[in-house]
């Protein structure tokens, strides 16, 4: 599909709205999952909700990596062959500026998506008695380590390239430095956004079909408590009613 080319001035639009919404929503979901992970936490009822939200977000990002704008597509930033040249530039303290993700950043995106997916999957398996709590915790803390490395990388690259990468993920824009950026036709962008909304909707419906209370805080705990009560106290209560 042909793309128009838009001249830019002081800044250039890099990250589309869906990518930014995904990024910060996932930040909130992961943070909420960690602070609600202990049973005595006042937010414990939100732990499963955070996990399901993260699962939906991962599913969306995997699809958006094929239909989103140029910088959102995996084909444009997952470049294993460019990793070692980029590392040499980084060691020399002169990394080449990237419009979107640099080669290491691309690998970091994949690692974070895979890590989050693994944590959510083991959490979901635990609800059906088929998962290991120890494995879930190991993966969760491994994900936390990846996040720390990611933050350090963002800070280092921001200093070396003079790009405020965190701010760019908020505003969607970076300094242009006299560059140009191809822009997809408006019709294509509208179709992609409609497709993104449809994907999220289908993912949410699929989750609800699997677990009707997935997005209701505390619903899993209430269901488990009801099952335990029925198994342990149900017959006794029925006998008392007959008297």
Foldseek 3Di string as FASTA:
>chain_A
DDFAKDWDDFKDFADDPLQLCLVVLLVVLLVLLVQLVDPPRPSVLCNLLSLLSNVLSLQLLVVCLPQPDQLSHLVNAQDVVCVVVQVVCVVVLHGDDDSHAHNVRSVLVVVLSVLSNVLSVLVVCVLVVRHDPVVNVVSSVVSVVSVVVVVVVQVSCCVSVVWNVVVCSVVSMTGQPRHMDTHHDPVSNVVSVVVSVVSSVVSVVVVCVVPVCSNPGNPSVVVVVVVVCCVPPVVVVVVVVVD
